[in-house]
């Protein structure tokens, strides 16, 4: 039902820290009811490296959606 632009920016910034070519990537984060939807860049190898850094923020977002 809504985009979560703060998390979108976090994901994009973390991607760019590791891989400058990911600045062209499109990252979307949103919520539908209690579901968190994250559309990540298509390069799975690079994205996997970034996920470890953003997982704590995603967990916090999930907890906030449940409350």
N, C-alpha and C. Protein backbone atom coordinates (compact mmCIF):
# COMPACT_ATOMS: atom_id res chain seq x y z
N UNK A 1 0.80 -1.20 0.00
CA UNK A 1 0.00 0.00 0.00
C UNK A 1 0.85 1.27 0.00
N UNK A 2 2.14 1.12 0.35
CA UNK A 2 2.99 2.31 0.38
C UNK A 2 4.46 1.94 0.14
N UNK A 3 5.20 2.90 -0.39
CA UNK A 3 6.64 2.73 -0.56
C UNK A 3 7.35 3.15 0.72
N UNK A 4 8.49 2.55 0.97
CA UNK A 4 9.31 2.91 2.13
C UNK A 4 10.62 3.45 1.58
N UNK A 5 10.63 4.75 1.32
CA UNK A 5 11.74 5.36 0.61
C UNK A 5 13.04 5.37 1.42
N UNK A 6 12.94 5.41 2.73
CA UNK A 6 14.15 5.36 3.55
C UNK A 6 14.93 4.07 3.35
N UNK A 7 14.21 2.96 3.30
CA UNK A 7 14.86 1.67 3.06
C UNK A 7 15.36 1.57 1.62
N UNK A 8 14.64 2.16 0.69
CA UNK A 8 15.11 2.18 -0.70
C UNK A 8 16.47 2.87 -0.77
N UNK A 9 16.58 4.01 -0.09
CA UNK A 9 17.83 4.77 -0.11
C UNK A 9 18.94 3.98 0.57
N UNK A 10 18.63 3.33 1.69
CA UNK A 10 19.63 2.52 2.39
C UNK A 10 20.16 1.42 1.49
N UNK A 11 19.28 0.70 0.83
CA UNK A 11 19.70 -0.39 -0.06
C UNK A 11 20.58 0.16 -1.18
N UNK A 12 20.16 1.24 -1.80
CA UNK A 12 20.92 1.81 -2.91
C UNK A 12 22.29 2.31 -2.44
N UNK A 13 22.33 2.98 -1.30
CA UNK A 13 23.61 3.48 -0.78
C UNK A 13 24.57 2.35 -0.46
N UNK A 14 24.06 1.29 0.17
CA UNK A 14 24.92 0.15 0.49
C UNK A 14 25.41 -0.52 -0.78
N UNK A 15 24.57 -0.61 -1.79
CA UNK A 15 24.99 -1.18 -3.07
C UNK A 15 26.09 -0.34 -3.69
N UNK A 16 25.93 0.97 -3.64
CA UNK A 16 26.91 1.86 -4.26
C UNK A 16 28.24 1.87 -3.52
N UNK A 17 28.22 1.65 -2.19
CA UNK A 17 29.46 1.58 -1.43
C UNK A 17 30.34 0.44 -1.93
N UNK A 18 29.72 -0.68 -2.22
CA UNK A 18 30.45 -1.86 -2.65
C UNK A 18 30.73 -1.86 -4.15
N UNK A 19 29.76 -1.42 -4.93
CA UNK A 19 29.84 -1.55 -6.39
C UNK A 19 29.31 -0.27 -7.03
N UNK A 20 30.20 0.57 -7.49
CA UNK A 20 29.79 1.87 -8.03
C UNK A 20 28.89 1.74 -9.26
N UNK A 21 28.99 0.64 -9.99
CA UNK A 21 28.15 0.48 -11.18
C UNK A 21 26.69 0.23 -10.85
N UNK A 22 26.38 -0.03 -9.58
CA UNK A 22 25.00 -0.29 -9.19
C UNK A 22 24.19 0.99 -9.01
N UNK A 23 24.81 2.15 -9.24
CA UNK A 23 24.07 3.40 -9.13
C UNK A 23 22.93 3.45 -10.15
N UNK A 24 23.06 2.70 -11.22
CA UNK A 24 22.02 2.67 -12.25
C UNK A 24 20.90 1.69 -11.91
N UNK A 25 21.04 0.96 -10.81
CA UNK A 25 20.04 -0.04 -10.43
C UNK A 25 18.78 0.62 -9.90
N UNK A 26 17.68 -0.06 -10.09
CA UNK A 26 16.41 0.42 -9.57
C UNK A 26 16.06 -0.43 -8.35
N UNK A 27 15.92 0.22 -7.22
CA UNK A 27 15.60 -0.46 -5.97
C UNK A 27 14.25 0.06 -5.49
N UNK A 28 13.35 -0.86 -5.18
CA UNK A 28 12.05 -0.48 -4.64
C UNK A 28 11.80 -1.27 -3.36
N UNK A 29 11.29 -0.58 -2.34
CA UNK A 29 10.90 -1.22 -1.09
C UNK A 29 9.52 -0.68 -0.75
N UNK A 30 8.63 -1.58 -0.41
CA UNK A 30 7.29 -1.16 -0.07
C UNK A 30 6.62 -2.12 0.88
N UNK A 31 5.46 -1.75 1.32
CA UNK A 31 4.69 -2.58 2.24
C UNK A 31 3.26 -2.69 1.73
N UNK A 32 2.76 -3.89 1.80
CA UNK A 32 1.35 -4.16 1.54
C UNK A 32 0.84 -4.87 2.79
N UNK A 33 -0.02 -4.17 3.51
CA UNK A 33 -0.49 -4.63 4.82
C UNK A 33 0.71 -4.96 5.70
N UNK A 34 0.91 -6.22 6.08
CA UNK A 34 2.03 -6.60 6.94
C UNK A 34 3.18 -7.22 6.17
N UNK A 35 3.14 -7.15 4.85
CA UNK A 35 4.20 -7.75 4.02
C UNK A 35 5.18 -6.67 3.56
N UNK A 36 6.46 -6.97 3.69
CA UNK A 36 7.50 -6.09 3.20
C UNK A 36 7.98 -6.63 1.86
N UNK A 37 7.96 -5.79 0.84
CA UNK A 37 8.35 -6.21 -0.51
C UNK A 37 9.61 -5.44 -0.90
N UNK A 38 10.65 -6.20 -1.28
CA UNK A 38 11.93 -5.60 -1.64
C UNK A 38 12.30 -6.07 -3.04
N UNK A 39 12.43 -5.14 -3.97
CA UNK A 39 12.89 -5.45 -5.33
C UNK A 39 14.35 -5.03 -5.40
N UNK A 40 15.20 -6.02 -5.55
CA UNK A 40 16.64 -5.80 -5.50
C UNK A 40 17.25 -5.78 -6.89
N UNK A 41 18.47 -5.23 -7.01
CA UNK A 41 19.15 -5.27 -8.30
C UNK A 41 19.31 -6.70 -8.79
N UNK A 42 19.39 -6.87 -10.10
CA UNK A 42 19.38 -8.21 -10.68
C UNK A 42 20.68 -8.99 -10.51
N UNK A 43 21.79 -8.33 -10.23
CA UNK A 43 23.05 -9.04 -10.06
C UNK A 43 23.06 -9.72 -8.69
N UNK A 44 22.73 -11.00 -8.66
CA UNK A 44 22.54 -11.72 -7.41
C UNK A 44 23.82 -11.82 -6.58
N UNK A 45 24.95 -11.96 -7.22
CA UNK A 45 26.22 -12.07 -6.48
C UNK A 45 26.52 -10.79 -5.72
N UNK A 46 26.36 -9.66 -6.38
CA UNK A 46 26.60 -8.38 -5.73
C UNK A 46 25.54 -8.10 -4.67
N UNK A 47 24.31 -8.40 -4.99
CA UNK A 47 23.22 -8.15 -4.05
C UNK A 47 23.38 -8.97 -2.78
N UNK A 48 23.83 -10.21 -2.91
CA UNK A 48 24.03 -11.07 -1.74
C UNK A 48 25.05 -10.47 -0.79
N UNK A 49 26.08 -9.85 -1.31
CA UNK A 49 27.10 -9.22 -0.46
C UNK A 49 26.52 -8.04 0.31
N UNK A 50 25.61 -7.32 -0.31
CA UNK A 50 25.02 -6.14 0.32
C UNK A 50 23.94 -6.54 1.34
N UNK A 51 23.26 -7.64 1.11
CA UNK A 51 22.15 -8.05 1.97
C UNK A 51 22.56 -8.20 3.43
N UNK A 52 23.77 -8.69 3.69
CA UNK A 52 24.20 -8.86 5.08
C UNK A 52 24.23 -7.53 5.82
N UNK A 53 24.46 -6.45 5.11
CA UNK A 53 24.52 -5.13 5.74
C UNK A 53 23.13 -4.54 5.97
N UNK A 54 22.17 -4.90 5.14
CA UNK A 54 20.85 -4.27 5.27
C UNK A 54 19.83 -5.13 6.02
N UNK A 55 20.17 -6.39 6.28
CA UNK A 55 19.21 -7.27 6.97
C UNK A 55 18.74 -6.73 8.32
N UNK A 56 19.61 -6.16 9.16
CA UNK A 56 19.10 -5.62 10.43
C UNK A 56 18.01 -4.55 10.23
N UNK A 57 18.18 -3.70 9.24
CA UNK A 57 17.17 -2.67 8.97
C UNK A 57 15.89 -3.28 8.44
N UNK A 58 16.01 -4.32 7.62
CA UNK A 58 14.81 -5.00 7.11
C UNK A 58 14.06 -5.69 8.25
N UNK A 59 14.80 -6.29 9.18
CA UNK A 59 14.15 -6.93 10.34
C UNK A 59 13.37 -5.90 11.15
N UNK A 60 13.98 -4.75 11.38
CA UNK A 60 13.31 -3.70 12.15
C UNK A 60 12.05 -3.23 11.43
N UNK A 61 12.13 -3.09 10.13
CA UNK A 61 10.96 -2.68 9.35
C UNK A 61 9.84 -3.71 9.46
N UNK A 62 10.19 -4.99 9.42
CA UNK A 62 9.19 -6.05 9.56
C UNK A 62 8.51 -5.98 10.92
N UNK A 63 9.30 -5.76 11.97
CA UNK A 63 8.73 -5.65 13.32
C UNK A 63 7.77 -4.48 13.41
N UNK A 64 8.12 -3.36 12.79
CA UNK A 64 7.25 -2.18 12.83
C UNK A 64 5.96 -2.41 12.05
N UNK A 65 6.04 -3.17 10.96
CA UNK A 65 4.84 -3.47 10.19
C UNK A 65 3.87 -4.35 10.98
N UNK A 66 4.41 -5.24 11.80
CA UNK A 66 3.56 -6.15 12.58
C UNK A 66 2.85 -5.43 13.71
N UNK A 67 3.44 -4.33 14.20
CA UNK A 67 2.82 -3.64 15.35
C UNK A 67 1.81 -2.61 14.92
